[in-house]
Amino acid sequence: GFEKMEEISALNFAASASAAGCGRVIYLGGLGKDEEVLS
């Protein structure tokens, strides 16, 4: 379930950033193409 925890965390952050009028979010993600099989 860590994936769901990460998704909920991102949703909470995005909603608060939007409500606060934050101008931009800079996110450090991971390599890979969406169409590939990823870990």
PDB file of all heavy atoms in Angstrom:
ATOM      1  N   GLY A   1       0.771  -1.238   0.000  1.00  0.00           N
ATOM      2  CA  GLY A   1       0.000   0.000   0.000  1.00  0.00           C
ATOM      3  C   GLY A   1       0.804   1.290   0.000  1.00  0.00           C
ATOM      4  O   GLY A   1       0.222   2.371   0.075  1.00  0.00           O
ATOM      5  N   PHE A   2       2.143   1.219  -0.094  1.00  0.00           N
ATOM      6  CA  PHE A   2       2.897   2.471  -0.076  1.00  0.00           C
ATOM      7  C   PHE A   2       2.526   3.358  -1.257  1.00  0.00           C
ATOM      8  O   PHE A   2       2.549   4.588  -1.158  1.00  0.00           O
ATOM      9  CB  PHE A   2       4.411   2.242  -0.013  1.00  0.00           C
ATOM     10  CG  PHE A   2       5.060   1.921  -1.338  1.00  0.00           C
ATOM     11  CD1 PHE A   2       5.497   2.936  -2.180  1.00  0.00           C
ATOM     12  CD2 PHE A   2       5.240   0.607  -1.736  1.00  0.00           C
ATOM     13  CE1 PHE A   2       6.090   2.641  -3.400  1.00  0.00           C
ATOM     14  CE2 PHE A   2       5.831   0.301  -2.947  1.00  0.00           C
ATOM     15  CZ  PHE A   2       6.261   1.315  -3.787  1.00  0.00           C
ATOM     16  N   GLU A   3       2.143   2.747  -2.375  1.00  0.00           N
ATOM     17  CA  GLU A   3       1.775   3.523  -3.550  1.00  0.00           C
ATOM     18  C   GLU A   3       0.558   4.404  -3.267  1.00  0.00           C
ATOM     19  O   GLU A   3       0.519   5.568  -3.665  1.00  0.00           O
ATOM     20  CB  GLU A   3       1.474   2.609  -4.742  1.00  0.00           C
ATOM     21  CG  GLU A   3       2.642   1.751  -5.182  1.00  0.00           C
ATOM     22  CD  GLU A   3       2.580   0.320  -4.665  1.00  0.00           C
ATOM     23  OE1 GLU A   3       2.121   0.111  -3.512  1.00  0.00           O
ATOM     24  OE2 GLU A   3       2.998  -0.590  -5.390  1.00  0.00           O
ATOM     25  N   LYS A   4      -0.430   3.864  -2.582  1.00  0.00           N
ATOM     26  CA  LYS A   4      -1.631   4.630  -2.245  1.00  0.00           C
ATOM     27  C   LYS A   4      -1.284   5.747  -1.264  1.00  0.00           C
ATOM     28  O   LYS A   4      -1.814   6.856  -1.369  1.00  0.00           O
ATOM     29  CB  LYS A   4      -2.714   3.706  -1.664  1.00  0.00           C
ATOM     30  CG  LYS A   4      -4.055   4.378  -1.553  1.00  0.00           C
ATOM     31  CD  LYS A   4      -4.604   4.739  -2.928  1.00  0.00           C
ATOM     32  CE  LYS A   4      -5.986   5.347  -2.835  1.00  0.00           C
ATOM     33  NZ  LYS A   4      -6.423   5.877  -4.126  1.00  0.00           N
ATOM     34  N   MET A   5      -0.384   5.463  -0.320  1.00  0.00           N
ATOM     35  CA  MET A   5       0.052   6.498   0.618  1.00  0.00           C
ATOM     36  C   MET A   5       0.720   7.652  -0.120  1.00  0.00           C
ATOM     37  O   MET A   5       0.460   8.818   0.177  1.00  0.00           O
ATOM     38  CB  MET A   5       1.006   5.908   1.658  1.00  0.00           C
ATOM     39  CG  MET A   5       0.350   4.949   2.632  1.00  0.00           C
ATOM     40  SD  MET A   5       1.542   4.185   3.761  1.00  0.00           S
ATOM     41  CE  MET A   5       2.176   5.614   4.618  1.00  0.00           C
ATOM     42  N   GLU A   6       1.570   7.336  -1.089  1.00  0.00           N
ATOM     43  CA  GLU A   6       2.234   8.380  -1.861  1.00  0.00           C
ATOM     44  C   GLU A   6       1.236   9.182  -2.683  1.00  0.00           C
ATOM     45  O   GLU A   6       1.349  10.400  -2.802  1.00  0.00           O
ATOM     46  CB  GLU A   6       3.313   7.782  -2.760  1.00  0.00           C
ATOM     47  CG  GLU A   6       4.544   7.358  -2.008  1.00  0.00           C
ATOM     48  CD  GLU A   6       5.733   7.100  -2.907  1.00  0.00           C
ATOM     49  OE1 GLU A   6       5.553   6.772  -4.097  1.00  0.00           O
ATOM     50  OE2 GLU A   6       6.860   7.237  -2.398  1.00  0.00           O
ATOM     51  N   GLU A   7       0.239   8.497  -3.247  1.00  0.00           N
ATOM     52  CA  GLU A   7      -0.780   9.185  -4.039  1.00  0.00           C
ATOM     53  C   GLU A   7      -1.613  10.130  -3.170  1.00  0.00           C
ATOM     54  O   GLU A   7      -1.861  11.280  -3.548  1.00  0.00           O
ATOM     55  CB  GLU A   7      -1.690   8.147  -4.710  1.00  0.00           C
ATOM     56  CG  GLU A   7      -2.698   8.758  -5.644  1.00  0.00           C
ATOM     57  CD  GLU A   7      -3.518   7.698  -6.378  1.00  0.00           C
ATOM     58  OE1 GLU A   7      -3.049   6.575  -6.569  1.00  0.00           O
ATOM     59  OE2 GLU A   7      -4.650   8.043  -6.766  1.00  0.00           O
ATOM     60  N   ILE A   8      -2.034   9.669  -2.016  1.00  0.00           N
ATOM     61  CA  ILE A   8      -2.812  10.512  -1.095  1.00  0.00           C
ATOM     62  C   ILE A   8      -1.978  11.704  -0.647  1.00  0.00           C
ATOM     63  O   ILE A   8      -2.467  12.839  -0.594  1.00  0.00           O
ATOM     64  CB  ILE A   8      -3.307   9.686   0.111  1.00  0.00           C
ATOM     65  CG1 ILE A   8      -4.376   8.696  -0.339  1.00  0.00           C
ATOM     66  CG2 ILE A   8      -3.821  10.583   1.238  1.00  0.00           C
ATOM     67  CD1 ILE A   8      -4.720   7.632   0.693  1.00  0.00           C
ATOM     68  N   SER A   9      -0.711  11.463  -0.339  1.00  0.00           N
ATOM     69  CA  SER A   9       0.179  12.544   0.086  1.00  0.00           C
ATOM     70  C   SER A   9       0.296  13.608  -0.999  1.00  0.00           C
ATOM     71  O   SER A   9       0.216  14.814  -0.721  1.00  0.00           O
ATOM     72  CB  SER A   9       1.564  11.984   0.422  1.00  0.00           C
ATOM     73  OG  SER A   9       1.495  11.094   1.505  1.00  0.00           O
ATOM     74  N   ALA A  10       0.480  13.171  -2.246  1.00  0.00           N
ATOM     75  CA  ALA A  10       0.600  14.115  -3.364  1.00  0.00           C
ATOM     76  C   ALA A  10      -0.702  14.883  -3.568  1.00  0.00           C
ATOM     77  O   ALA A  10      -0.684  16.097  -3.830  1.00  0.00           O
ATOM     78  CB  ALA A  10       0.990  13.377  -4.637  1.00  0.00           C
ATOM     79  N   LEU A  11      -1.816  14.202  -3.450  1.00  0.00           N
ATOM     80  CA  LEU A  11      -3.112  14.865  -3.606  1.00  0.00           C
ATOM     81  C   LEU A  11      -3.313  15.926  -2.528  1.00  0.00           C
ATOM     82  O   LEU A  11      -3.729  17.050  -2.819  1.00  0.00           O
ATOM     83  CB  LEU A  11      -4.241  13.841  -3.564  1.00  0.00           C
ATOM     84  CG  LEU A  11      -5.656  14.386  -3.720  1.00  0.00           C
ATOM     85  CD1 LEU A  11      -5.827  15.143  -5.021  1.00  0.00           C
ATOM     86  CD2 LEU A  11      -6.664  13.248  -3.645  1.00  0.00           C
ATOM     87  N   ASN A  12      -2.995  15.605  -1.294  1.00  0.00           N
ATOM     88  CA  ASN A  12      -3.114  16.572  -0.203  1.00  0.00           C
ATOM     89  C   ASN A  12      -2.233  17.788  -0.460  1.00  0.00           C
ATOM     90  O   ASN A  12      -2.656  18.934  -0.280  1.00  0.00           O
ATOM     91  CB  ASN A  12      -2.730  15.929   1.134  1.00  0.00           C
ATOM     92  CG  ASN A  12      -3.742  14.920   1.622  1.00  0.00           C
ATOM     93  OD1 ASN A  12      -4.905  14.937   1.222  1.00  0.00           O
ATOM     94  ND2 ASN A  12      -3.308  14.021   2.492  1.00  0.00           N
ATOM     95  N   PHE A  13      -0.994  17.536  -0.874  1.00  0.00           N
ATOM     96  CA  PHE A  13      -0.057  18.630  -1.121  1.00  0.00           C
ATOM     97  C   PHE A  13      -0.530  19.502  -2.277  1.00  0.00           C
ATOM     98  O   PHE A  13      -0.521  20.732  -2.178  1.00  0.00           O
ATOM     99  CB  PHE A  13       1.342  18.072  -1.412  1.00  0.00           C
ATOM    100  CG  PHE A  13       2.412  19.114  -1.414  1.00  0.00           C
ATOM    101  CD1 PHE A  13       3.025  19.494  -0.235  1.00  0.00           C
ATOM    102  CD2 PHE A  13       2.814  19.712  -2.599  1.00  0.00           C
ATOM    103  CE1 PHE A  13       4.019  20.462  -0.231  1.00  0.00           C
ATOM    104  CE2 PHE A  13       3.796  20.681  -2.606  1.00  0.00           C
ATOM    105  CZ  PHE A  13       4.410  21.055  -1.425  1.00  0.00           C
ATOM    106  N   ALA A  14      -0.941  18.872  -3.368  1.00  0.00           N
ATOM    107  CA  ALA A  14      -1.393  19.623  -4.543  1.00  0.00           C
ATOM    108  C   ALA A  14      -2.610  20.479  -4.221  1.00  0.00           C
ATOM    109  O   ALA A  14      -2.684  21.642  -4.625  1.00  0.00           O
ATOM    110  CB  ALA A  14      -1.705  18.662  -5.688  1.00  0.00           C
ATOM    111  N   ALA A  15      -3.564  19.918  -3.492  1.00  0.00           N
ATOM    112  CA  ALA A  15      -4.773  20.678  -3.141  1.00  0.00           C
ATOM    113  C   ALA A  15      -4.432  21.868  -2.257  1.00  0.00           C
ATOM    114  O   ALA A  15      -4.947  22.972  -2.467  1.00  0.00           O
ATOM    115  CB  ALA A  15      -5.777  19.758  -2.449  1.00  0.00           C
ATOM    116  N   SER A  16      -3.541  21.672  -1.291  1.00  0.00           N
ATOM    117  CA  SER A  16      -3.151  22.785  -0.413  1.00  0.00           C
ATOM    118  C   SER A  16      -2.358  23.833  -1.174  1.00  0.00           C
ATOM    119  O   SER A  16      -2.533  25.032  -0.947  1.00  0.00           O
ATOM    120  CB  SER A  16      -2.338  22.269   0.778  1.00  0.00           C
ATOM    121  OG  SER A  16      -3.160  21.565   1.671  1.00  0.00           O
ATOM    122  N   ALA A  17      -1.478  23.384  -2.081  1.00  0.00           N
ATOM    123  CA  ALA A  17      -0.691  24.336  -2.878  1.00  0.00           C
ATOM    124  C   ALA A  17      -1.606  25.180  -3.759  1.00  0.00           C
ATOM    125  O   ALA A  17      -1.428  26.395  -3.879  1.00  0.00           O
ATOM    126  CB  ALA A  17       0.335  23.593  -3.723  1.00  0.00           C
ATOM    127  N   SER A  18      -2.598  24.542  -4.353  1.00  0.00           N
ATOM    128  CA  SER A  18      -3.553  25.259  -5.193  1.00  0.00           C
ATOM    129  C   SER A  18      -4.359  26.258  -4.371  1.00  0.00           C
ATOM    130  O   SER A  18      -4.498  27.423  -4.758  1.00  0.00           O
ATOM    131  CB  SER A  18      -4.477  24.258  -5.880  1.00  0.00           C
ATOM    132  OG  SER A  18      -5.365  24.920  -6.734  1.00  0.00           O
ATOM    133  N   ALA A  19      -4.882  25.813  -3.238  1.00  0.00           N
ATOM    134  CA  ALA A  19      -5.677  26.699  -2.372  1.00  0.00           C
ATOM    135  C   ALA A  19      -4.852  27.870  -1.856  1.00  0.00           C
ATOM    136  O   ALA A  19      -5.372  28.967  -1.675  1.00  0.00           O
ATOM    137  CB  ALA A  19      -6.257  25.902  -1.208  1.00  0.00           C
ATOM    138  N   ALA A  20      -3.563  27.657  -1.636  1.00  0.00           N
ATOM    139  CA  ALA A  20      -2.695  28.710  -1.114  1.00  0.00           C
ATOM    140  C   ALA A  20      -2.249  29.686  -2.202  1.00  0.00           C
ATOM    141  O   ALA A  20      -1.654  30.722  -1.898  1.00  0.00           O
ATOM    142  CB  ALA A  20      -1.464  28.090  -0.455  1.00  0.00           C
ATOM    143  N   GLY A  21      -2.497  29.351  -3.463  1.00  0.00           N
ATOM    144  CA  GLY A  21      -2.059  30.220  -4.554  1.00  0.00           C
ATOM    145  C   GLY A  21      -0.581  30.084  -4.863  1.00  0.00           C
ATOM    146  O   GLY A  21       0.016  30.984  -5.454  1.00  0.00           O
ATOM    147  N   CYS A  22       0.006  28.961  -4.491  1.00  0.00           N
ATOM    148  CA  CYS A  22       1.412  28.705  -4.796  1.00  0.00           C
ATOM    149  C   CYS A  22       1.589  28.727  -6.315  1.00  0.00           C
ATOM    150  O   CYS A  22       0.791  28.143  -7.044  1.00  0.00           O
ATOM    151  CB  CYS A  22       1.819  27.349  -4.210  1.00  0.00           C
ATOM    152  SG  CYS A  22       3.530  26.897  -4.525  1.00  0.00           S
ATOM    153  N   GLY A  23       2.622  29.392  -6.786  1.00  0.00           N
ATOM    154  CA  GLY A  23       2.802  29.573  -8.217  1.00  0.00           C
ATOM    155  C   GLY A  23       3.317  28.363  -8.970  1.00  0.00           C
ATOM    156  O   GLY A  23       3.032  28.193 -10.152  1.00  0.00           O
ATOM    157  N   ARG A  24       4.081  27.494  -8.310  1.00  0.00           N
ATOM    158  CA  ARG A  24       4.682  26.350  -9.000  1.00  0.00           C
ATOM    159  C   ARG A  24       5.119  25.315  -7.985  1.00  0.00           C
ATOM    160  O   ARG A  24       5.575  25.659  -6.907  1.00  0.00           O
ATOM    161  CB  ARG A  24       5.895  26.779  -9.825  1.00  0.00           C
ATOM    162  CG  ARG A  24       6.638  25.608 -10.452  1.00  0.00           C
ATOM    163  CD  ARG A  24       7.469  25.993 -11.644  1.00  0.00           C
ATOM    164  NE  ARG A  24       6.741  26.723 -12.665  1.00  0.00           N
ATOM    165  CZ  ARG A  24       6.016  26.177 -13.643  1.00  0.00           C
ATOM    166  NH1 ARG A  24       5.886  24.871 -13.717  1.00  0.00           N
ATOM    167  NH2 ARG A  24       5.418  26.925 -14.547  1.00  0.00           N
ATOM    168  N   VAL A  25       5.003  24.057  -8.379  1.00  0.00           N
ATOM    169  CA  VAL A  25       5.549  22.944  -7.600  1.00  0.00           C
ATOM    170  C   VAL A  25       6.680  22.333  -8.413  1.00  0.00           C
ATOM    171  O   VAL A  25       6.529  22.100  -9.617  1.00  0.00           O
ATOM    172  CB  VAL A  25       4.471  21.877  -7.292  1.00  0.00           C
ATOM    173  CG1 VAL A  25       5.093  20.627  -6.677  1.00  0.00           C
ATOM    174  CG2 VAL A  25       3.407  22.447  -6.365  1.00  0.00           C
ATOM    175  N   ILE A  26       7.802  22.114  -7.768  1.00  0.00           N
ATOM    176  CA  ILE A  26       8.943  21.457  -8.396  1.00  0.00           C
ATOM    177  C   ILE A  26       9.049  20.088  -7.754  1.00  0.00           C
ATOM    178  O   ILE A  26       9.195  19.974  -6.536  1.00  0.00           O
ATOM    179  CB  ILE A  26      10.250  22.254  -8.215  1.00  0.00           C
ATOM    180  CG1 ILE A  26      10.121  23.645  -8.846  1.00  0.00           C
ATOM    181  CG2 ILE A  26      11.422  21.517  -8.849  1.00  0.00           C
ATOM    182  CD1 ILE A  26       9.803  24.727  -7.895  1.00  0.00           C
ATOM    183  N   TYR A  27       8.960  19.057  -8.578  1.00  0.00           N
ATOM    184  CA  TYR A  27       8.899  17.681  -8.080  1.00  0.00           C
ATOM    185  C   TYR A  27      10.074  16.875  -8.590  1.00  0.00           C
ATOM    186  O   TYR A  27      10.379  16.886  -9.788  1.00  0.00           O
ATOM    187  CB  TYR A  27       7.585  17.036  -8.533  1.00  0.00           C
ATOM    188  CG  TYR A  27       7.510  15.553  -8.304  1.00  0.00           C
ATOM    189  CD1 TYR A  27       7.683  15.009  -7.035  1.00  0.00           C
ATOM    190  CD2 TYR A  27       7.286  14.676  -9.362  1.00  0.00           C
ATOM    191  CE1 TYR A  27       7.625  13.643  -6.828  1.00  0.00           C
ATOM    192  CE2 TYR A  27       7.217  13.313  -9.166  1.00  0.00           C
ATOM    193  CZ  TYR A  27       7.395  12.797  -7.893  1.00  0.00           C
ATOM    194  OH  TYR A  27       7.335  11.447  -7.682  1.00  0.00           O
ATOM    195  N   LEU A  28      10.727  16.167  -7.694  1.00  0.00           N
ATOM    196  CA  LEU A  28      11.814  15.273  -8.066  1.00  0.00           C
ATOM    197  C   LEU A  28      11.269  13.859  -8.126  1.00  0.00           C
ATOM    198  O   LEU A  28      11.003  13.237  -7.100  1.00  0.00           O
ATOM    199  CB  LEU A  28      12.955  15.364  -7.050  1.00  0.00           C
ATOM    200  CG  LEU A  28      14.173  14.500  -7.347  1.00  0.00           C
ATOM    201  CD1 LEU A  28      14.798  14.868  -8.687  1.00  0.00           C
ATOM    202  CD2 LEU A  28      15.188  14.638  -6.231  1.00  0.00           C
ATOM    203  N   GLY A  29      11.058  13.373  -9.335  1.00  0.00           N
ATOM    204  CA  GLY A  29      10.509  12.038  -9.546  1.00  0.00           C
ATOM    205  C   GLY A  29      11.601  11.049  -9.896  1.00  0.00           C
ATOM    206  O   GLY A  29      12.762  11.220  -9.534  1.00  0.00           O
ATOM    207  N   GLY A  30      11.225  10.016 -10.636  1.00  0.00           N
ATOM    208  CA  GLY A  30      12.162   8.958 -10.997  1.00  0.00           C
ATOM    209  C   GLY A  30      12.170   8.701 -12.491  1.00  0.00           C
ATOM    210  O   GLY A  30      11.206   8.994 -13.194  1.00  0.00           O
ATOM    211  N   LEU A  31      13.263   8.132 -12.961  1.00  0.00           N
ATOM    212  CA  LEU A  31      13.434   7.840 -14.389  1.00  0.00           C
ATOM    213  C   LEU A  31      12.432   6.828 -14.907  1.00  0.00           C
ATOM    214  O   LEU A  31      11.761   6.150 -14.131  1.00  0.00           O
ATOM    215  CB  LEU A  31      14.846   7.290 -14.634  1.00  0.00           C
ATOM    216  CG  LEU A  31      15.998   8.270 -14.544  1.00  0.00           C
ATOM    217  CD1 LEU A  31      17.308   7.537 -14.814  1.00  0.00           C
ATOM    218  CD2 LEU A  31      15.837   9.414 -15.517  1.00  0.00           C
ATOM    219  N   GLY A  32      12.375   6.722 -16.212  1.00  0.00           N
ATOM    220  CA  GLY A  32      11.541   5.724 -16.865  1.00  0.00           C
ATOM    221  C   GLY A  32      10.470   6.373 -17.724  1.00  0.00           C
ATOM    222  O   GLY A  32      10.080   7.509 -17.491  1.00  0.00           O
ATOM    223  N   LYS A  33      10.035   5.624 -18.713  1.00  0.00           N
ATOM    224  CA  LYS A  33       8.956   6.073 -19.586  1.00  0.00           C
ATOM    225  C   LYS A  33       7.662   5.454 -19.090  1.00  0.00           C
ATOM    226  O   LYS A  33       7.629   4.279 -18.704  1.00  0.00           O
ATOM    227  CB  LYS A  33       9.234   5.657 -21.030  1.00  0.00           C
ATOM    228  CG  LYS A  33      10.464   6.317 -21.613  1.00  0.00           C
ATOM    229  CD  LYS A  33      10.699   5.852 -23.024  1.00  0.00           C
ATOM    230  CE  LYS A  33      11.962   6.504 -23.573  1.00  0.00           C
ATOM    231  NZ  LYS A  33      12.273   5.987 -24.914  1.00  0.00           N
ATOM    232  N   ASP A  34       6.604   6.212 -19.150  1.00  0.00           N
ATOM    233  CA  ASP A  34       5.315   5.738 -18.645  1.00  0.00           C
ATOM    234  C   ASP A  34       4.843   4.458 -19.329  1.00  0.00           C
ATOM    235  O   ASP A  34       4.164   3.649 -18.715  1.00  0.00           O
ATOM    236  CB  ASP A  34       4.253   6.829 -18.781  1.00  0.00           C
ATOM    237  CG  ASP A  34       4.512   7.997 -17.843  1.00  0.00           C
ATOM    238  OD1 ASP A  34       5.087   7.774 -16.764  1.00  0.00           O
ATOM    239  OD2 ASP A  34       4.147   9.131 -18.192  1.00  0.00           O
ATOM    240  N   GLU A  35       5.207   4.273 -20.582  1.00  0.00           N
ATOM    241  CA  GLU A  35       4.742   3.086 -21.302  1.00  0.00           C
ATOM    242  C   GLU A  35       5.602   1.848 -21.024  1.00  0.00           C
ATOM    243  O   GLU A  35       5.289   0.759 -21.480  1.00  0.00           O
ATOM    244  CB  GLU A  35       4.655   3.359 -22.809  1.00  0.00           C
ATOM    245  CG  GLU A  35       5.956   3.774 -23.450  1.00  0.00           C
ATOM    246  CD  GLU A  35       6.250   5.272 -23.359  1.00  0.00           C
ATOM    247  OE1 GLU A  35       5.450   6.032 -22.781  1.00  0.00           O
ATOM    248  OE2 GLU A  35       7.278   5.683 -23.872  1.00  0.00           O
ATOM    249  N   GLU A  36       6.680   1.993 -20.275  1.00  0.00           N
ATOM    250  CA  GLU A  36       7.535   0.863 -19.926  1.00  0.00           C
ATOM    251  C   GLU A  36       7.012   0.171 -18.667  1.00  0.00           C
ATOM    252  O   GLU A  36       6.247   0.745 -17.902  1.00  0.00           O
ATOM    253  CB  GLU A  36       8.965   1.341 -19.666  1.00  0.00           C
ATOM    254  CG  GLU A  36       9.667   1.896 -20.869  1.00  0.00           C
ATOM    255  CD  GLU A  36      11.059   2.423 -20.548  1.00  0.00           C
ATOM    256  OE1 GLU A  36      11.391   2.609 -19.364  1.00  0.00           O
ATOM    257  OE2 GLU A  36      11.797   2.654 -21.509  1.00  0.00           O
ATOM    258  N   VAL A  37       7.466  -1.060 -18.479  1.00  0.00           N
ATOM    259  CA  VAL A  37       7.185  -1.747 -17.223  1.00  0.00           C
ATOM    260  C   VAL A  37       8.178  -1.211 -16.200  1.00  0.00           C
ATOM    261  O   VAL A  37       9.395  -1.308 -16.387  1.00  0.00           O
ATOM    262  CB  VAL A  37       7.343  -3.276 -17.379  1.00  0.00           C
ATOM    263  CG1 VAL A  37       7.149  -3.963 -16.043  1.00  0.00           C
ATOM    264  CG2 VAL A  37       6.362  -3.807 -18.410  1.00  0.00           C
ATOM    265  N   LEU A  38       7.658  -0.600 -15.151  1.00  0.00           N
ATOM    266  CA  LEU A  38       8.495   0.036 -14.135  1.00  0.00           C
ATOM    267  C   LEU A  38       8.396  -0.714 -12.820  1.00  0.00           C
ATOM    268  O   LEU A  38       7.405  -1.398 -12.553  1.00  0.00           O
ATOM    269  CB  LEU A  38       8.046   1.486 -13.912  1.00  0.00           C
ATOM    270  CG  LEU A  38       8.086   2.412 -15.131  1.00  0.00           C
ATOM    271  CD1 LEU A  38       7.411   3.732 -14.816  1.00  0.00           C
ATOM    272  CD2 LEU A  38       9.518   2.642 -15.573  1.00  0.00           C
ATOM    273  N   SER A  39       9.395  -0.558 -11.978  1.00  0.00           N
ATOM    274  CA  SER A  39       9.321  -1.101 -10.630  1.00  0.00           C
ATOM    275  C   SER A  39       8.177  -0.420  -9.890  1.00  0.00           C
ATOM    276  O   SER A  39       7.690   0.642 -10.312  1.00  0.00           O
ATOM    277  CB  SER A  39      10.635  -0.860  -9.880  1.00  0.00           C
ATOM    278  OG  SER A  39      10.771   0.524  -9.578  1.00  0.00           O
TER     279      SER A  39
END
